[in-house]
Amino acid sequence: MKTSLVILAAGIGSRFGGGVKQIAPVGPNGEIIIDYSIHDALEAGFDKIVFIIRKDIEKDFKEIIGDRVSKLCEVEYVYQSVNDLPFTPECSINRRKPWGTTHALWSARNAVKEPFLVINADDYYGKSAYKTAHDFLVNNTEKDDKLSLGMVGFVLGNTLSDNGEVTRGICKADDNDILLNIVETYNIIKTENGVVSRNDGGEDTVLDINSLVSMNMWCFTPGIFSKAEIALDKFLRGLPADDVKSEHVLPTFVGSLVSSGEATVRVLSSEDRWVGVTYAEDKPVVIDHFRKLIANKVYPEELF
């Protein structure tokens, strides 16, 4: 069965000092995080890579990663545009930033016709996560009109940054590893009192460091696109005329499908340690992480 890896790479990266963090080198020969993700995905059995990018980074993106990957497997590009929408709200006139990860997913509706895995471009998930996801996709079956989806869940304590707050979708599953709900949780930081979520008033809610969280590693089938269009249309129609910042994100979208009974989501647990470049200060940590993986023979010095 053919399977695709869909990489969300259109984020502006404002917290990374305004740079394009998706193409920041972290490996010994200039490799970027996407290189390692693609290496792991191809090794796990994925056949096709779909990059979701912005048109304005196309030239740099292709030179740094896309042209090289096209020699290894089938590659397709999708452009997330602020103007490509199922409904155009009044507030889109002043909008400069795309409308979130649900919008990014919907942008790929014409490029993906097979089961697929969605990942963030600037997240390193670990080798085992791709094998787990691929096995799920090739063995997955859907009945009637209910979507059968998967989510690779990571331990919260393995997904934090030492350099600032992060956002994570905190998950609750039943005894059969079926997702019950997912709560998009903001401003998660490490403190002397443990890991907390801090609200705008400075009040902390202590979180369980062993909670499973979503890192936008989703196992989807093509039926997800029509659901995404409905959700995105409803979201856009509900925006006030002066709203230029609101986004619709995948954890919220998938959570709504679970709540409505339109989808079943199996939680595929991973003990791998996540690393990513959320802040510029994270980059040395990520570089050191890959240096250690290479020293331990997890990856070769020359990746491709």
C-alpha atoms as a PDB file:
ATOM      1  CA  MET A   1       0.000   0.000   0.000  1.00  0.00           C
ATOM      2  CA  LYS A   2       1.260   3.436  -0.922  1.00  0.00           C
ATOM      3  CA  THR A   3       1.704   5.850   1.979  1.00  0.00           C
ATOM      4  CA  SER A   4       2.750   9.509   2.038  1.00  0.00           C
ATOM      5  CA  LEU A   5       4.542  11.722   4.519  1.00  0.00           C
ATOM      6  CA  VAL A   6       3.010  15.207   4.605  1.00  0.00           C
ATOM      7  CA  ILE A   7       5.320  17.814   6.128  1.00  0.00           C
ATOM      8  CA  LEU A   8       3.890  21.062   7.528  1.00  0.00           C
ATOM      9  CA  ALA A   9       6.587  23.597   6.635  1.00  0.00           C
ATOM     10  CA  ALA A  10       4.705  26.834   6.018  1.00  0.00           C
ATOM     11  CA  GLY A  11       5.076  28.294   9.526  1.00  0.00           C
ATOM     12  CA  ILE A  12       6.578  31.738   9.673  1.00  0.00           C
ATOM     13  CA  GLY A  13       8.768  30.920  12.677  1.00  0.00           C
ATOM     14  CA  SER A  14       8.302  34.228  14.481  1.00  0.00           C
ATOM     15  CA  ARG A  15       9.677  32.886  17.776  1.00  0.00           C
ATOM     16  CA  PHE A  16      12.850  31.865  15.969  1.00  0.00           C
ATOM     17  CA  GLY A  17      13.867  35.489  15.531  1.00  0.00           C
ATOM     18  CA  GLY A  18      11.989  35.899  12.265  1.00  0.00           C
ATOM     19  CA  GLY A  19      14.139  33.332  10.440  1.00  0.00           C
ATOM     20  CA  VAL A  20      12.892  30.350   8.479  1.00  0.00           C
ATOM     21  CA  LYS A  21      13.499  27.754  11.181  1.00  0.00           C
ATOM     22  CA  GLN A  22      12.404  24.857   8.967  1.00  0.00           C
ATOM     23  CA  ILE A  23      15.635  25.133   6.969  1.00  0.00           C
ATOM     24  CA  ALA A  24      18.070  25.893   9.802  1.00  0.00           C
ATOM     25  CA  PRO A  25      21.029  23.425   9.621  1.00  0.00           C
ATOM     26  CA  VAL A  26      21.500  21.117  12.626  1.00  0.00           C
ATOM     27  CA  GLY A  27      23.564  18.211  11.268  1.00  0.00           C
ATOM     28  CA  PRO A  28      27.355  17.947  10.711  1.00  0.00           C
ATOM     29  CA  ASN A  29      27.044  18.415   6.953  1.00  0.00           C
ATOM     30  CA  GLY A  30      24.351  21.065   6.985  1.00  0.00           C
ATOM     31  CA  GLU A  31      21.454  18.630   7.383  1.00  0.00           C
ATOM     32  CA  ILE A  32      18.194  20.095   8.633  1.00  0.00           C
ATOM     33  CA  ILE A  33      15.621  18.411  10.864  1.00  0.00           C
ATOM     34  CA  ILE A  34      13.498  17.539   7.818  1.00  0.00           C
ATOM     35  CA  ASP A  35      16.412  15.488   6.441  1.00  0.00           C
ATOM     36  CA  TYR A  36      16.328  13.202   9.462  1.00  0.00           C
ATOM     37  CA  SER A  37      12.528  12.977   9.367  1.00  0.00           C
ATOM     38  CA  ILE A  38      12.577  11.945   5.715  1.00  0.00           C
ATOM     39  CA  HIS A  39      15.380   9.448   6.336  1.00  0.00           C
ATOM     40  CA  ASP A  40      13.333   7.814   9.104  1.00  0.00           C
ATOM     41  CA  ALA A  41      10.114   7.859   7.057  1.00  0.00           C
ATOM     42  CA  LEU A  42      11.678   6.247   3.982  1.00  0.00           C
ATOM     43  CA  GLU A  43      13.341   3.647   6.191  1.00  0.00           C
ATOM     44  CA  ALA A  44       9.926   2.890   7.745  1.00  0.00           C
ATOM     45  CA  GLY A  45       8.345   2.337   4.326  1.00  0.00           C
ATOM     46  CA  PHE A  46       6.780   5.641   3.229  1.00  0.00           C
ATOM     47  CA  ASP A  47       6.804   6.154  -0.557  1.00  0.00           C
ATOM     48  CA  LYS A  48       6.036   9.815  -1.187  1.00  0.00           C
ATOM     49  CA  ILE A  49       6.854  13.167   0.409  1.00  0.00           C
ATOM     50  CA  VAL A  50       4.464  16.119   0.258  1.00  0.00           C
ATOM     51  CA  PHE A  51       5.861  19.471   1.400  1.00  0.00           C
ATOM     52  CA  ILE A  52       3.372  22.135   2.479  1.00  0.00           C
ATOM     53  CA  ILE A  53       5.243  25.421   2.202  1.00  0.00           C
ATOM     54  CA  ARG A  54       4.737  29.110   1.516  1.00  0.00           C
ATOM     55  CA  LYS A  55       5.392  30.325  -1.995  1.00  0.00           C
ATOM     56  CA  ASP A  56       7.882  32.935  -0.761  1.00  0.00           C
ATOM     57  CA  ILE A  57      10.276  30.291   0.646  1.00  0.00           C
ATOM     58  CA  GLU A  58       9.997  27.951  -2.350  1.00  0.00           C
ATOM     59  CA  LYS A  59      13.368  28.785  -3.925  1.00  0.00           C
ATOM     60  CA  ASP A  60      15.395  28.387  -0.717  1.00  0.00           C
ATOM     61  CA  PHE A  61      13.405  25.343   0.332  1.00  0.00           C
ATOM     62  CA  LYS A  62      13.989  23.490  -2.915  1.00  0.00           C
ATOM     63  CA  GLU A  63      17.691  24.342  -2.978  1.00  0.00           C
ATOM     64  CA  ILE A  64      18.276  23.246   0.605  1.00  0.00           C
ATOM     65  CA  ILE A  65      16.097  20.133   0.796  1.00  0.00           C
ATOM     66  CA  GLY A  66      13.489  19.557  -1.908  1.00  0.00           C
ATOM     67  CA  ASP A  67      15.721  19.007  -4.938  1.00  0.00           C
ATOM     68  CA  ARG A  68      17.829  16.495  -3.030  1.00  0.00           C
ATOM     69  CA  VAL A  69      14.834  14.532  -1.748  1.00  0.00           C
ATOM     70  CA  SER A  70      13.323  14.345  -5.242  1.00  0.00           C
ATOM     71  CA  LYS A  71      16.218  12.030  -6.157  1.00  0.00           C
ATOM     72  CA  LEU A  72      15.190   9.600  -3.411  1.00  0.00           C
ATOM     73  CA  CYS A  73      11.422   9.349  -3.834  1.00  0.00           C
ATOM     74  CA  GLU A  74       8.320  10.975  -5.289  1.00  0.00           C
ATOM     75  CA  VAL A  75       7.974  14.579  -4.120  1.00  0.00           C
ATOM     76  CA  GLU A  76       5.080  17.004  -4.428  1.00  0.00           C
ATOM     77  CA  TYR A  77       4.671  20.608  -3.264  1.00  0.00           C
ATOM     78  CA  VAL A  78       1.574  22.232  -1.821  1.00  0.00           C
ATOM     79  CA  TYR A  79       1.418  25.976  -1.160  1.00  0.00           C
ATOM     80  CA  GLN A  80      -0.472  27.182   1.896  1.00  0.00           C
ATOM     81  CA  SER A  81      -1.907  30.524   0.871  1.00  0.00           C
ATOM     82  CA  VAL A  82      -3.840  32.987   2.977  1.00  0.00           C
ATOM     83  CA  ASN A  83      -6.263  33.331   0.057  1.00  0.00           C
ATOM     84  CA  ASP A  84      -6.921  29.617  -0.592  1.00  0.00           C
ATOM     85  CA  LEU A  85     -10.022  29.122   1.555  1.00  0.00           C
ATOM     86  CA  PRO A  86     -13.392  27.360   1.470  1.00  0.00           C
ATOM     87  CA  PHE A  87     -14.928  30.660   2.610  1.00  0.00           C
ATOM     88  CA  THR A  88     -13.376  34.139   2.537  1.00  0.00           C
ATOM     89  CA  PRO A  89     -14.124  36.140   5.692  1.00  0.00           C
ATOM     90  CA  GLU A  90     -14.027  39.928   5.852  1.00  0.00           C
ATOM     91  CA  CYS A  91     -10.954  39.838   8.106  1.00  0.00           C
ATOM     92  CA  SER A  92      -8.890  38.162   5.365  1.00  0.00           C
ATOM     93  CA  ILE A  93      -8.289  41.584   3.790  1.00  0.00           C
ATOM     94  CA  ASN A  94      -5.588  42.377   6.379  1.00  0.00           C
ATOM     95  CA  ARG A  95      -4.433  38.809   6.968  1.00  0.00           C
ATOM     96  CA  ARG A  96      -0.763  38.050   6.326  1.00  0.00           C
ATOM     97  CA  LYS A  97      -0.315  34.736   8.167  1.00  0.00           C
ATOM     98  CA  PRO A  98      -2.010  31.454   7.104  1.00  0.00           C
ATOM     99  CA  TRP A  99      -4.946  30.182   9.108  1.00  0.00           C
ATOM    100  CA  GLY A 100      -3.353  27.366  11.124  1.00  0.00           C
ATOM    101  CA  THR A 101      -2.541  23.684  10.754  1.00  0.00           C
ATOM    102  CA  THR A 102      -6.082  22.633   9.817  1.00  0.00           C
ATOM    103  CA  HIS A 103      -5.806  25.095   6.942  1.00  0.00           C
ATOM    104  CA  ALA A 104      -2.395  23.643   6.036  1.00  0.00           C
ATOM    105  CA  LEU A 105      -3.850  20.131   5.996  1.00  0.00           C
ATOM    106  CA  TRP A 106      -6.765  21.209   3.797  1.00  0.00           C
ATOM    107  CA  SER A 107      -4.289  22.805   1.379  1.00  0.00           C
ATOM    108  CA  ALA A 108      -3.068  19.290   0.492  1.00  0.00           C
ATOM    109  CA  ARG A 109      -6.519  18.031  -0.530  1.00  0.00           C
ATOM    110  CA  ASN A 110      -5.607  17.648  -4.214  1.00  0.00           C
ATOM    111  CA  ALA A 111      -2.151  16.177  -3.654  1.00  0.00           C
ATOM    112  CA  VAL A 112      -2.840  13.219  -1.355  1.00  0.00           C
ATOM    113  CA  LYS A 113      -5.060  10.287  -2.333  1.00  0.00           C
ATOM    114  CA  GLU A 114      -3.553   7.617  -0.074  1.00  0.00           C
ATOM    115  CA  PRO A 115      -3.173   7.057   3.697  1.00  0.00           C
ATOM    116  CA  PHE A 116      -0.673   9.550   5.068  1.00  0.00           C
ATOM    117  CA  LEU A 117       1.267  10.758   8.073  1.00  0.00           C
ATOM    118  CA  VAL A 118       1.357  14.460   8.995  1.00  0.00           C
ATOM    119  CA  ILE A 119       4.346  15.936  10.836  1.00  0.00           C
ATOM    120  CA  ASN A 120       5.770  19.356  11.708  1.00  0.00           C
ATOM    121  CA  ALA A 121       8.846  20.373   9.745  1.00  0.00           C
ATOM    122  CA  ASP A 122      10.727  21.639  12.791  1.00  0.00           C
ATOM    123  CA  ASP A 123      10.123  18.644  15.079  1.00  0.00           C
ATOM    124  CA  TYR A 124      12.335  15.587  15.408  1.00  0.00           C
ATOM    125  CA  TYR A 125      10.190  12.638  16.468  1.00  0.00           C
ATOM    126  CA  GLY A 126      12.587   9.674  16.600  1.00  0.00           C
ATOM    127  CA  LYS A 127      12.896   6.558  14.464  1.00  0.00           C
ATOM    128  CA  SER A 128      10.381   4.299  16.186  1.00  0.00           C
ATOM    129  CA  ALA A 129       7.541   6.784  15.759  1.00  0.00           C
ATOM    130  CA  TYR A 130       7.660   6.447  11.962  1.00  0.00           C
ATOM    131  CA  LYS A 131       7.652   2.654  12.048  1.00  0.00           C
ATOM    132  CA  THR A 132       4.701   2.694  14.456  1.00  0.00           C
ATOM    133  CA  ALA A 133       2.795   5.156  12.269  1.00  0.00           C
ATOM    134  CA  HIS A 134       3.506   3.286   9.030  1.00  0.00           C
ATOM    135  CA  ASP A 135       2.390  -0.034  10.516  1.00  0.00           C
ATOM    136  CA  PHE A 136      -0.858   1.585  11.631  1.00  0.00           C
ATOM    137  CA  LEU A 137      -1.558   3.108   8.224  1.00  0.00           C
ATOM    138  CA  VAL A 138      -1.002  -0.069   6.202  1.00  0.00           C
ATOM    139  CA  ASN A 139      -3.093  -2.194   8.575  1.00  0.00           C
ATOM    140  CA  ASN A 140      -5.820   0.348   9.239  1.00  0.00           C
ATOM    141  CA  THR A 141      -9.403  -0.269   8.047  1.00  0.00           C
ATOM    142  CA  GLU A 142     -12.396   2.044   8.059  1.00  0.00           C
ATOM    143  CA  LYS A 143     -16.037   1.043   8.334  1.00  0.00           C
ATOM    144  CA  ASP A 144     -19.109   2.973   7.213  1.00  0.00           C
ATOM    145  CA  ASP A 145     -18.645   6.758   7.416  1.00  0.00           C
ATOM    146  CA  LYS A 146     -16.532   6.834  10.568  1.00  0.00           C
ATOM    147  CA  LEU A 147     -12.912   7.800  10.072  1.00  0.00           C
ATOM    148  CA  SER A 148     -10.268   5.571  11.637  1.00  0.00           C
ATOM    149  CA  LEU A 149      -7.285   7.738  12.506  1.00  0.00           C
ATOM    150  CA  GLY A 150      -4.123   7.496  14.558  1.00  0.00           C
ATOM    151  CA  MET A 151      -2.042   9.843  16.668  1.00  0.00           C
ATOM    152  CA  VAL A 152       1.502   9.221  17.831  1.00  0.00           C
ATOM    153  CA  GLY A 153       1.516  10.422  21.431  1.00  0.00           C
ATOM    154  CA  PHE A 154       4.644  11.554  23.267  1.00  0.00           C
ATOM    155  CA  VAL A 155       5.329  11.863  26.979  1.00  0.00           C
ATOM    156  CA  LEU A 156       4.984  15.522  27.959  1.00  0.00           C
ATOM    157  CA  GLY A 157       8.303  15.509  29.825  1.00  0.00           C
ATOM    158  CA  ASN A 158      10.079  14.466  26.604  1.00  0.00           C
ATOM    159  CA  THR A 159       8.731  17.408  24.602  1.00  0.00           C
ATOM    160  CA  LEU A 160       9.661  20.569  26.537  1.00  0.00           C
ATOM    161  CA  SER A 161      12.001  23.434  25.747  1.00  0.00           C
ATOM    162  CA  ASP A 162      14.391  24.939  28.301  1.00  0.00           C
ATOM    163  CA  ASN A 163      14.092  28.293  26.551  1.00  0.00           C
ATOM    164  CA  GLY A 164      10.433  29.242  26.814  1.00  0.00           C
ATOM    165  CA  GLU A 165       6.847  28.132  26.732  1.00  0.00           C
ATOM    166  CA  VAL A 166       5.414  25.545  24.341  1.00  0.00           C
ATOM    167  CA  THR A 167       1.914  24.539  23.277  1.00  0.00           C
ATOM    168  CA  ARG A 168       0.882  20.903  23.465  1.00  0.00           C
ATOM    169  CA  GLY A 169      -2.346  18.989  22.916  1.00  0.00           C
ATOM    170  CA  ILE A 170      -2.771  17.038  26.178  1.00  0.00           C
ATOM    171  CA  CYS A 171      -4.548  13.750  25.511  1.00  0.00           C
ATOM    172  CA  LYS A 172      -6.740  11.388  27.460  1.00  0.00           C
ATOM    173  CA  ALA A 173      -7.264   7.829  26.196  1.00  0.00           C
ATOM    174  CA  ASP A 174      -9.266   4.845  27.407  1.00  0.00           C
ATOM    175  CA  ASP A 175      -7.878   1.431  28.390  1.00  0.00           C
ATOM    176  CA  ASN A 176      -7.870   0.387  24.723  1.00  0.00           C
ATOM    177  CA  ASP A 177      -5.743   3.399  23.702  1.00  0.00           C
ATOM    178  CA  ILE A 178      -8.654   5.124  21.980  1.00  0.00           C
ATOM    179  CA  LEU A 179      -8.512   8.912  22.270  1.00  0.00           C
ATOM    180  CA  LEU A 180     -11.250  10.333  24.481  1.00  0.00           C
ATOM    181  CA  ASN A 181     -10.342  14.000  24.268  1.00  0.00           C
ATOM    182  CA  ILE A 182      -7.512  16.369  23.532  1.00  0.00           C
ATOM    183  CA  VAL A 183      -7.010  19.791  25.087  1.00  0.00           C
ATOM    184  CA  GLU A 184      -4.796  22.341  23.352  1.00  0.00           C
ATOM    185  CA  THR A 185      -2.770  23.678  26.291  1.00  0.00           C
ATOM    186  CA  TYR A 186      -0.742  26.882  26.023  1.00  0.00           C
ATOM    187  CA  ASN A 187       2.223  28.442  27.834  1.00  0.00           C
ATOM    188  CA  ILE A 188       3.643  25.164  29.169  1.00  0.00           C
ATOM    189  CA  ILE A 189       6.923  25.822  30.963  1.00  0.00           C
ATOM    190  CA  LYS A 190       9.321  24.222  33.405  1.00  0.00           C
ATOM    191  CA  THR A 191       9.373  25.777  36.886  1.00  0.00           C
ATOM    192  CA  GLU A 192      10.802  24.908  40.305  1.00  0.00           C
ATOM    193  CA  ASN A 193       7.351  23.539  41.123  1.00  0.00           C
ATOM    194  CA  GLY A 194       7.315  21.226  38.099  1.00  0.00           C
ATOM    195  CA  VAL A 195       5.772  21.586  34.667  1.00  0.00           C
ATOM    196  CA  VAL A 196       2.915  24.078  34.551  1.00  0.00           C
ATOM    197  CA  SER A 197       0.567  25.820  32.166  1.00  0.00           C
ATOM    198  CA  ARG A 198       0.569  29.555  32.920  1.00  0.00           C
ATOM    199  CA  ASN A 199      -2.445  31.691  32.050  1.00  0.00           C
ATOM    200  CA  ASP A 200      -2.396  35.362  31.042  1.00  0.00           C
ATOM    201  CA  GLY A 201      -2.853  36.378  34.679  1.00  0.00           C
ATOM    202  CA  GLY A 202       0.305  34.533  35.747  1.00  0.00           C
ATOM    203  CA  GLU A 203      -1.559  31.707  37.477  1.00  0.00           C
ATOM    204  CA  ASP A 204      -0.076  28.225  37.130  1.00  0.00           C
ATOM    205  CA  THR A 205      -1.808  24.889  36.656  1.00  0.00           C
ATOM    206  CA  VAL A 206       0.497  21.975  37.465  1.00  0.00           C
ATOM    207  CA  LEU A 207       0.595  19.322  34.731  1.00  0.00           C
ATOM    208  CA  ASP A 208       1.425  15.628  34.902  1.00  0.00           C
ATOM    209  CA  ILE A 209       4.858  15.299  33.300  1.00  0.00           C
ATOM    210  CA  ASN A 210       3.919  11.775  32.154  1.00  0.00           C
ATOM    211  CA  SER A 211       0.810  12.911  30.272  1.00  0.00           C
ATOM    212  CA  LEU A 212       0.607  11.925  26.625  1.00  0.00           C
ATOM    213  CA  VAL A 213       0.612  14.876  24.254  1.00  0.00           C
ATOM    214  CA  SER A 214       0.082  15.467  20.580  1.00  0.00           C
ATOM    215  CA  MET A 215       3.044  16.747  18.586  1.00  0.00           C
ATOM    216  CA  ASN A 216       1.092  16.972  15.312  1.00  0.00           C
ATOM    217  CA  MET A 217       2.089  13.461  14.249  1.00  0.00           C
ATOM    218  CA  TRP A 218      -1.211  12.267  12.795  1.00  0.00           C
ATOM    219  CA  CYS A 219      -2.138   9.183  10.800  1.00  0.00           C
ATOM    220  CA  PHE A 220      -4.899  10.242   8.397  1.00  0.00           C
ATOM    221  CA  THR A 221      -6.886   8.854   5.493  1.00  0.00           C
ATOM    222  CA  PRO A 222      -8.071  10.955   2.506  1.00  0.00           C
ATOM    223  CA  GLY A 223     -11.533  11.204   4.049  1.00  0.00           C
ATOM    224  CA  ILE A 224     -10.084  13.755   6.471  1.00  0.00           C
ATOM    225  CA  PHE A 225     -10.055  16.491   3.814  1.00  0.00           C
ATOM    226  CA  SER A 226     -13.832  16.848   3.497  1.00  0.00           C
ATOM    227  CA  LYS A 227     -14.093  17.015   7.303  1.00  0.00           C
ATOM    228  CA  ALA A 228     -11.350  19.652   7.398  1.00  0.00           C
ATOM    229  CA  GLU A 229     -13.183  21.752   4.814  1.00  0.00           C
ATOM    230  CA  ILE A 230     -16.377  21.715   6.867  1.00  0.00           C
ATOM    231  CA  ALA A 231     -14.510  22.628  10.070  1.00  0.00           C
ATOM    232  CA  LEU A 232     -12.480  25.360   8.385  1.00  0.00           C
ATOM    233  CA  ASP A 233     -15.536  26.854   6.710  1.00  0.00           C
ATOM    234  CA  LYS A 234     -17.380  27.026  10.036  1.00  0.00           C
ATOM    235  CA  PHE A 235     -14.338  28.566  11.744  1.00  0.00           C
ATOM    236  CA  LEU A 236     -13.890  31.245   9.080  1.00  0.00           C
ATOM    237  CA  ARG A 237     -17.563  32.205   9.055  1.00  0.00           C
ATOM    238  CA  GLY A 238     -17.434  32.763  12.797  1.00  0.00           C
ATOM    239  CA  LEU A 239     -14.512  35.209  12.805  1.00  0.00           C
ATOM    240  CA  PRO A 240     -15.121  38.875  13.632  1.00  0.00           C
ATOM    241  CA  ALA A 241     -14.163  41.421  10.988  1.00  0.00           C
ATOM    242  CA  ASP A 242     -11.114  42.684  12.923  1.00  0.00           C
ATOM    243  CA  ASP A 243      -9.615  39.239  13.723  1.00  0.00           C
ATOM    244  CA  VAL A 244      -6.277  38.766  11.930  1.00  0.00           C
ATOM    245  CA  LYS A 245      -4.615  36.292  14.302  1.00  0.00           C
ATOM    246  CA  SER A 246      -6.974  33.381  15.056  1.00  0.00           C
ATOM    247  CA  GLU A 247      -5.972  29.940  13.773  1.00  0.00           C
ATOM    248  CA  HIS A 248      -7.655  26.561  13.501  1.00  0.00           C
ATOM    249  CA  VAL A 249      -5.275  23.833  14.677  1.00  0.00           C
ATOM    250  CA  LEU A 250      -5.209  20.072  14.170  1.00  0.00           C
ATOM    251  CA  PRO A 251      -5.610  19.011  17.827  1.00  0.00           C
ATOM    252  CA  THR A 252      -8.783  21.089  18.080  1.00  0.00           C
ATOM    253  CA  PHE A 253     -10.024  19.761  14.738  1.00  0.00           C
ATOM    254  CA  VAL A 254      -9.383  16.101  15.544  1.00  0.00           C
ATOM    255  CA  GLY A 255     -10.796  16.573  19.036  1.00  0.00           C
ATOM    256  CA  SER A 256     -14.034  17.846  17.515  1.00  0.00           C
ATOM    257  CA  LEU A 257     -14.256  14.767  15.274  1.00  0.00           C
ATOM    258  CA  VAL A 258     -13.856  12.537  18.325  1.00  0.00           C
ATOM    259  CA  SER A 259     -16.484  14.473  20.287  1.00  0.00           C
ATOM    260  CA  SER A 260     -18.990  14.299  17.431  1.00  0.00           C
ATOM    261  CA  GLY A 261     -18.411  10.579  16.858  1.00  0.00           C
ATOM    262  CA  GLU A 262     -17.159  11.159  13.312  1.00  0.00           C
ATOM    263  CA  ALA A 263     -13.768   9.574  13.994  1.00  0.00           C
ATOM    264  CA  THR A 264     -12.004   7.060  16.169  1.00  0.00           C
ATOM    265  CA  VAL A 265      -8.405   7.910  16.980  1.00  0.00           C
ATOM    266  CA  ARG A 266      -5.985   5.284  18.222  1.00  0.00           C
ATOM    267  CA  VAL A 267      -3.182   6.652  20.399  1.00  0.00           C
ATOM    268  CA  LEU A 268       0.158   5.155  19.355  1.00  0.00           C
ATOM    269  CA  SER A 269       2.541   5.796  22.220  1.00  0.00           C
ATOM    270  CA  SER A 270       6.203   6.701  21.675  1.00  0.00           C
ATOM    271  CA  GLU A 271       8.939   6.870  24.280  1.00  0.00           C
ATOM    272  CA  ASP A 272      11.264   8.727  21.898  1.00  0.00           C
ATOM    273  CA  ARG A 273      12.602  12.076  23.002  1.00  0.00           C
ATOM    274  CA  TRP A 274      11.353  14.965  20.924  1.00  0.00           C
ATOM    275  CA  VAL A 275      13.682  17.797  19.979  1.00  0.00           C
ATOM    276  CA  GLY A 276      12.860  20.873  17.955  1.00  0.00           C
ATOM    277  CA  VAL A 277      13.848  24.434  17.194  1.00  0.00           C
ATOM    278  CA  THR A 278      11.055  26.465  18.762  1.00  0.00           C
ATOM    279  CA  TYR A 279      13.432  29.250  19.851  1.00  0.00           C
ATOM    280  CA  ALA A 280      16.827  30.307  18.498  1.00  0.00           C
ATOM    281  CA  GLU A 281      18.350  29.167  21.805  1.00  0.00           C
ATOM    282  CA  ASP A 282      17.129  25.629  21.108  1.00  0.00           C
ATOM    283  CA  LYS A 283      19.382  25.217  18.093  1.00  0.00           C
ATOM    284  CA  PRO A 284      22.622  24.325  19.974  1.00  0.00           C
ATOM    285  CA  VAL A 285      20.692  21.701  21.968  1.00  0.00           C
ATOM    286  CA  VAL A 286      19.356  20.146  18.779  1.00  0.00           C
ATOM    287  CA  ILE A 287      22.792  20.163  17.140  1.00  0.00           C
ATOM    288  CA  ASP A 288      24.247  18.394  20.179  1.00  0.00           C
ATOM    289  CA  HIS A 289      21.406  15.849  20.139  1.00  0.00           C
ATOM    290  CA  PHE A 290      22.133  14.847  16.549  1.00  0.00           C
ATOM    291  CA  ARG A 291      25.850  14.750  17.255  1.00  0.00           C
ATOM    292  CA  LYS A 292      25.176  12.179  19.978  1.00  0.00           C
ATOM    293  CA  LEU A 293      22.851  10.152  17.750  1.00  0.00           C
ATOM    294  CA  ILE A 294      25.548   9.974  15.084  1.00  0.00           C
ATOM    295  CA  ALA A 295      28.188   9.012  17.663  1.00  0.00           C
ATOM    296  CA  ASN A 296      25.872   6.200  18.826  1.00  0.00           C
ATOM    297  CA  LYS A 297      25.462   4.992  15.216  1.00  0.00           C
ATOM    298  CA  VAL A 298      21.759   5.817  15.090  1.00  0.00           C
ATOM    299  CA  TYR A 299      22.533   7.807  11.945  1.00  0.00           C
ATOM    300  CA  PRO A 300      25.514   7.734   9.590  1.00  0.00           C
ATOM    301  CA  GLU A 301      27.766  10.772   9.289  1.00  0.00           C
ATOM    302  CA  GLU A 302      26.593  11.146   5.677  1.00  0.00           C
ATOM    303  CA  LEU A 303      22.807  10.844   5.911  1.00  0.00           C
ATOM    304  CA  PHE A 304      22.004  10.383   2.203  1.00  0.00           C
END
